[in-house]
Amino acid sequence: MVGNGTRHATGGGAEARERAFVCTASHDLVTPLMAVTANCDVLEAEASDQAGLASWVANIRAAADEMATRIAGMLMHMGGD
């Protein structure tokens, strides 16, 4: 697609490949991301009384949240679910 929403006559195949790539990549990233998030939940509970560890967990949580936002953005851009 061109920036104004019109489609090139030869662009349909490339768009389908891009969509397939984004959908596959996002799906492949979600599984390890969920593991990181779940482990963060456990670490947060364990680190509640350790200020030094709590800041590391907060950094990991922020990075995981950012990755989740980016994955959702890629899917939204592609019109995926």
N, C-alpha and C. Protein backbone atom coordinates (compact mmCIF):
# COMPACT_ATOMS: atom_id res chain seq x y z
N MET A 1 0.83 -1.18 0.00
CA MET A 1 0.00 0.00 0.00
C MET A 1 0.88 1.24 0.00
N VAL A 2 0.41 2.23 -0.66
CA VAL A 2 1.08 3.52 -0.67
C VAL A 2 0.56 4.31 0.51
N GLY A 3 1.29 5.33 0.93
CA GLY A 3 0.93 6.10 2.11
C GLY A 3 -0.49 6.64 2.11
N ASN A 4 -1.08 6.88 0.95
CA ASN A 4 -2.43 7.44 0.93
C ASN A 4 -3.51 6.36 0.90
N GLY A 5 -3.11 5.11 1.05
CA GLY A 5 -4.08 4.02 1.13
C GLY A 5 -4.33 3.32 -0.19
N THR A 6 -3.74 3.80 -1.30
CA THR A 6 -3.92 3.11 -2.56
C THR A 6 -2.94 1.95 -2.65
N ARG A 7 -3.34 0.94 -3.37
CA ARG A 7 -2.53 -0.27 -3.45
C ARG A 7 -1.87 -0.35 -4.82
N HIS A 8 -0.57 -0.68 -4.83
CA HIS A 8 0.11 -0.93 -6.10
C HIS A 8 -0.41 -2.24 -6.67
N ALA A 9 -0.44 -2.34 -7.97
CA ALA A 9 -0.95 -3.54 -8.63
C ALA A 9 -0.11 -4.76 -8.25
N THR A 10 1.18 -4.59 -8.03
CA THR A 10 2.04 -5.72 -7.72
C THR A 10 2.28 -5.87 -6.23
N GLY A 11 1.68 -5.02 -5.40
CA GLY A 11 1.99 -5.00 -3.98
C GLY A 11 1.21 -6.00 -3.14
N GLY A 12 0.18 -6.64 -3.69
CA GLY A 12 -0.65 -7.54 -2.90
C GLY A 12 0.11 -8.69 -2.29
N GLY A 13 1.02 -9.30 -3.05
CA GLY A 13 1.80 -10.43 -2.54
C GLY A 13 2.75 -10.01 -1.45
N ALA A 14 3.37 -8.85 -1.63
CA ALA A 14 4.29 -8.34 -0.62
C ALA A 14 3.55 -8.02 0.67
N GLU A 15 2.37 -7.47 0.53
CA GLU A 15 1.57 -7.14 1.72
C GLU A 15 1.16 -8.41 2.46
N ALA A 16 0.80 -9.45 1.73
CA ALA A 16 0.43 -10.71 2.36
C ALA A 16 1.62 -11.33 3.08
N ARG A 17 2.80 -11.23 2.47
CA ARG A 17 4.02 -11.77 3.11
C ARG A 17 4.36 -10.98 4.37
N GLU A 18 4.20 -9.65 4.29
CA GLU A 18 4.47 -8.81 5.47
C GLU A 18 3.50 -9.14 6.59
N ARG A 19 2.25 -9.31 6.24
CA ARG A 19 1.23 -9.66 7.24
C ARG A 19 1.56 -11.00 7.89
N ALA A 20 1.92 -11.99 7.07
CA ALA A 20 2.25 -13.32 7.60
C ALA A 20 3.46 -13.24 8.52
N PHE A 21 4.47 -12.45 8.12
CA PHE A 21 5.66 -12.31 8.94
C PHE A 21 5.34 -11.67 10.28
N VAL A 22 4.60 -10.57 10.25
CA VAL A 22 4.27 -9.85 11.49
C VAL A 22 3.44 -10.74 12.41
N CYS A 23 2.47 -11.44 11.85
CA CYS A 23 1.62 -12.30 12.67
C CYS A 23 2.44 -13.43 13.29
N THR A 24 3.32 -14.05 12.51
CA THR A 24 4.16 -15.13 13.03
C THR A 24 5.14 -14.60 14.07
N ALA A 25 5.80 -13.49 13.75
CA ALA A 25 6.78 -12.93 14.69
C ALA A 25 6.12 -12.52 16.00
N SER A 26 4.97 -11.87 15.90
CA SER A 26 4.31 -11.44 17.14
C SER A 26 3.87 -12.63 17.97
N HIS A 27 3.37 -13.66 17.32
CA HIS A 27 2.97 -14.87 18.05
C HIS A 27 4.18 -15.51 18.71
N ASP A 28 5.31 -15.58 17.98
CA ASP A 28 6.52 -16.18 18.53
C ASP A 28 7.10 -15.36 19.67
N LEU A 29 6.87 -14.06 19.70
CA LEU A 29 7.38 -13.21 20.78
C LEU A 29 6.49 -13.24 22.01
N VAL A 30 5.21 -13.50 21.83
CA VAL A 30 4.29 -13.47 22.96
C VAL A 30 4.59 -14.57 23.97
N THR A 31 4.95 -15.76 23.51
CA THR A 31 5.20 -16.87 24.44
C THR A 31 6.35 -16.57 25.41
N PRO A 32 7.53 -16.17 24.93
CA PRO A 32 8.58 -15.83 25.91
C PRO A 32 8.25 -14.59 26.72
N LEU A 33 7.52 -13.66 26.13
CA LEU A 33 7.12 -12.47 26.87
C LEU A 33 6.22 -12.84 28.05
N MET A 34 5.32 -13.76 27.84
CA MET A 34 4.44 -14.21 28.93
C MET A 34 5.25 -14.90 30.03
N ALA A 35 6.30 -15.63 29.66
CA ALA A 35 7.16 -16.26 30.66
C ALA A 35 7.89 -15.19 31.48
N VAL A 36 8.39 -14.17 30.82
CA VAL A 36 9.06 -13.08 31.53
C VAL A 36 8.08 -12.39 32.48
N THR A 37 6.88 -12.12 31.99
CA THR A 37 5.88 -11.45 32.80
C THR A 37 5.48 -12.30 34.01
N ALA A 38 5.29 -13.59 33.80
CA ALA A 38 4.93 -14.48 34.91
C ALA A 38 6.04 -14.54 35.94
N ASN A 39 7.29 -14.63 35.47
CA ASN A 39 8.40 -14.65 36.40
C ASN A 39 8.54 -13.32 37.14
N CYS A 40 8.18 -12.24 36.48
CA CYS A 40 8.19 -10.93 37.13
C CYS A 40 7.20 -10.91 38.29
N ASP A 41 6.04 -11.51 38.06
CA ASP A 41 5.04 -11.57 39.13
C ASP A 41 5.61 -12.27 40.36
N VAL A 42 6.31 -13.38 40.14
CA VAL A 42 6.91 -14.12 41.26
C VAL A 42 8.01 -13.30 41.91
N LEU A 43 8.87 -12.70 41.09
CA LEU A 43 9.96 -11.90 41.63
C LEU A 43 9.45 -10.69 42.41
N GLU A 44 8.37 -10.07 41.94
CA GLU A 44 7.80 -8.93 42.66
C GLU A 44 7.37 -9.34 44.07
N ALA A 45 6.77 -10.50 44.17
CA ALA A 45 6.34 -10.98 45.48
C ALA A 45 7.55 -11.26 46.38
N GLU A 46 8.59 -11.82 45.81
CA GLU A 46 9.80 -12.15 46.58
C GLU A 46 10.61 -10.90 46.92
N ALA A 47 10.56 -9.90 46.05
CA ALA A 47 11.41 -8.72 46.22
C ALA A 47 10.75 -7.60 47.02
N SER A 48 9.55 -7.83 47.50
CA SER A 48 8.82 -6.75 48.17
C SER A 48 9.57 -6.19 49.36
N ASP A 49 10.42 -6.98 49.97
CA ASP A 49 11.16 -6.48 51.14
C ASP A 49 12.63 -6.20 50.83
N GLN A 50 12.99 -6.24 49.54
CA GLN A 50 14.38 -6.00 49.14
C GLN A 50 14.41 -4.88 48.09
N ALA A 51 14.71 -3.68 48.53
CA ALA A 51 14.65 -2.51 47.65
C ALA A 51 15.55 -2.65 46.43
N GLY A 52 16.73 -3.20 46.58
CA GLY A 52 17.65 -3.35 45.45
C GLY A 52 17.10 -4.28 44.39
N LEU A 53 16.51 -5.39 44.81
CA LEU A 53 15.94 -6.35 43.87
C LEU A 53 14.66 -5.80 43.25
N ALA A 54 13.90 -5.06 44.02
CA ALA A 54 12.65 -4.51 43.53
C ALA A 54 12.88 -3.57 42.34
N SER A 55 13.95 -2.81 42.36
CA SER A 55 14.22 -1.90 41.24
C SER A 55 14.57 -2.67 39.98
N TRP A 56 15.27 -3.80 40.11
CA TRP A 56 15.57 -4.64 38.94
C TRP A 56 14.28 -5.23 38.36
N VAL A 57 13.43 -5.68 39.23
CA VAL A 57 12.16 -6.26 38.79
C VAL A 57 11.32 -5.19 38.09
N ALA A 58 11.32 -3.98 38.62
CA ALA A 58 10.57 -2.89 37.99
C ALA A 58 11.11 -2.59 36.59
N ASN A 59 12.42 -2.65 36.41
CA ASN A 59 13.01 -2.44 35.09
C ASN A 59 12.59 -3.54 34.12
N ILE A 60 12.59 -4.78 34.59
CA ILE A 60 12.18 -5.90 33.75
C ILE A 60 10.71 -5.76 33.38
N ARG A 61 9.89 -5.41 34.34
CA ARG A 61 8.45 -5.23 34.10
C ARG A 61 8.22 -4.13 33.06
N ALA A 62 8.93 -3.03 33.18
CA ALA A 62 8.76 -1.92 32.23
C ALA A 62 9.15 -2.35 30.82
N ALA A 63 10.25 -3.10 30.70
CA ALA A 63 10.68 -3.58 29.39
C ALA A 63 9.68 -4.57 28.81
N ALA A 64 9.14 -5.45 29.63
CA ALA A 64 8.14 -6.42 29.17
C ALA A 64 6.87 -5.71 28.74
N ASP A 65 6.46 -4.69 29.49
CA ASP A 65 5.27 -3.92 29.12
C ASP A 65 5.48 -3.20 27.79
N GLU A 66 6.67 -2.64 27.60
CA GLU A 66 6.99 -1.96 26.34
C GLU A 66 6.95 -2.95 25.17
N MET A 67 7.49 -4.14 25.37
CA MET A 67 7.46 -5.14 24.31
C MET A 67 6.03 -5.54 23.99
N ALA A 68 5.21 -5.73 25.00
CA ALA A 68 3.80 -6.08 24.78
C ALA A 68 3.08 -4.98 24.00
N THR A 69 3.38 -3.74 24.32
CA THR A 69 2.78 -2.61 23.60
C THR A 69 3.22 -2.61 22.14
N ARG A 70 4.48 -2.88 21.89
CA ARG A 70 4.98 -2.90 20.51
C ARG A 70 4.37 -4.05 19.72
N ILE A 71 4.24 -5.22 20.34
CA ILE A 71 3.62 -6.36 19.66
C ILE A 71 2.17 -6.03 19.32
N ALA A 72 1.45 -5.47 20.27
CA ALA A 72 0.06 -5.09 20.02
C ALA A 72 -0.02 -4.05 18.90
N GLY A 73 0.90 -3.13 18.88
CA GLY A 73 0.94 -2.12 17.83
C GLY A 73 1.17 -2.73 16.45
N MET A 74 2.10 -3.68 16.39
CA MET A 74 2.34 -4.35 15.11
C MET A 74 1.09 -5.05 14.62
N LEU A 75 0.42 -5.75 15.52
CA LEU A 75 -0.79 -6.47 15.13
C LEU A 75 -1.90 -5.50 14.72
N MET A 76 -2.02 -4.42 15.46
CA MET A 76 -3.06 -3.44 15.13
C MET A 76 -2.79 -2.82 13.74
N HIS A 77 -1.52 -2.54 13.50
CA HIS A 77 -1.13 -1.97 12.21
C HIS A 77 -1.47 -2.92 11.07
N MET A 78 -1.34 -4.20 11.32
CA MET A 78 -1.62 -5.21 10.29
C MET A 78 -3.11 -5.58 10.25
N GLY A 79 -3.86 -5.09 11.24
CA GLY A 79 -5.28 -5.45 11.29
C GLY A 79 -5.48 -6.84 11.83
N GLY A 80 -4.45 -7.36 12.54
CA GLY A 80 -4.55 -8.70 13.13
C GLY A 80 -5.24 -8.65 14.47
N ASP A 81 -5.32 -9.82 15.10
CA ASP A 81 -6.00 -9.89 16.40
C ASP A 81 -5.07 -10.20 17.51
